[in-house]
Amino acid sequence: MEENVVPSYGIPFATIAAVKLDMEAPLRNWSVPFLLPRALWEAAALIRRFRPDVVLGTGGYVSGPLILTAAVGRVPIVLQEQNYLPGRTTRLLARFATEVATAYPETARYLRAKTAVTGTPVRSEFWRPRTDFPDHPRRLLVLGGSQGAHRINEAVAAALPQLLSRPDFSVAHQTGDRDISMLEGVKAGLPEGVRNRYDPFAFSPELSERIRAADLILSRAGASTLSEVSAVGVPMLLVPGPFAGGHQRLNAEPFERAGAAIIIPNESCDGETLVRDLAAIIDQPERYRNMVDAMRQLGRPYAAEEVAQMLIELARPARPAGALP
């Protein structure tokens, strides 16, 4: 994806060999001793060619060789961690970082590094918080990511008849590719009078506009989604995914504690639960308003500018031409 997206912004793009340690299936790591030297050599060549004044790592395993090489060359390093519980790569590399930009204050306890809470950078489409919320939610947006969230999709399908029995309520539903046919079938089976208030779609290039148009969002608790939605200020129902050590639950809990979201455990996510929890928000305008206010306080729409300013301040002075890191 990055090979297509980054050049479209006019930014030079380079790749190195990918070296990933699989801690759950160690036998899959047989190629690591062969790939790691190549990855480090390619990272060193890139550092020498580009001569960076500062390096930003976003936590993925691909950044590991480059961050290690930059550390050897004493290039200032900034890491950006978007999850509450930092990933294995960030925890390993934090000791080499000049500073780590985090989305949560609590993340600092897991890192041996200087940290600053900046939020997670989001695209400029999310920089403008919404202010025109109704007295109670009328438009629900369901986000399942590009792959979809099957558990959520099934729960929404079961809840639709009751949700759409409210005459002013509508549902837009990002289903992912795998479940779009199923949800289109569900739409076809709805009564003709309510069918037009349910809009299933596999994916949308205008997702930022759909988020801004929603009064309430039902979603997994991925770090990027939370950052984008909170920047706009839309309250959420969150169904943390049970994968990757349960880190999505940790991402979601600060939003629930602040009153900006309701958490539905994955194993409890069904049609009946959705109807009950949505009704508790729709039928209590004061509670909904409090959720809007809480989400507005949590959103950090200008995180990208804060991280950029950090990079500018930490960049070392320019070196003479031909100097190596």
Foldseek 3Di string as FASTA:
>chain_A
DCVPPVVVVVDDDDAFFFQDQDPVDRVVNPCRVVRVVRRLVVLQVVCQVVVFLEEEAAQDRRCQSNLVNCLVVVRAYEYEALFLAGDPSCQVSQVSHQEYEYCDPNNVVSHPHHYDDLHDADDPLLQAADDDADLAWAEEEEDQPQQADVLQVQQCLLQVVVQLVPPRHAYEYQGHDVCQVVVVVSLVPDPPVRSVRYHYDNDDPVVSVVLLPGQEYEYEQDSRVLQSNLSRQHAYEYAHDPPDPRRSVVSCVVLVVLLQYHYDYSVRRHNVVVVVVSCVRRVDSVSSVSNSVSSPVSHNNCSVVVVVVVRVVSRDDDDPPPDHD
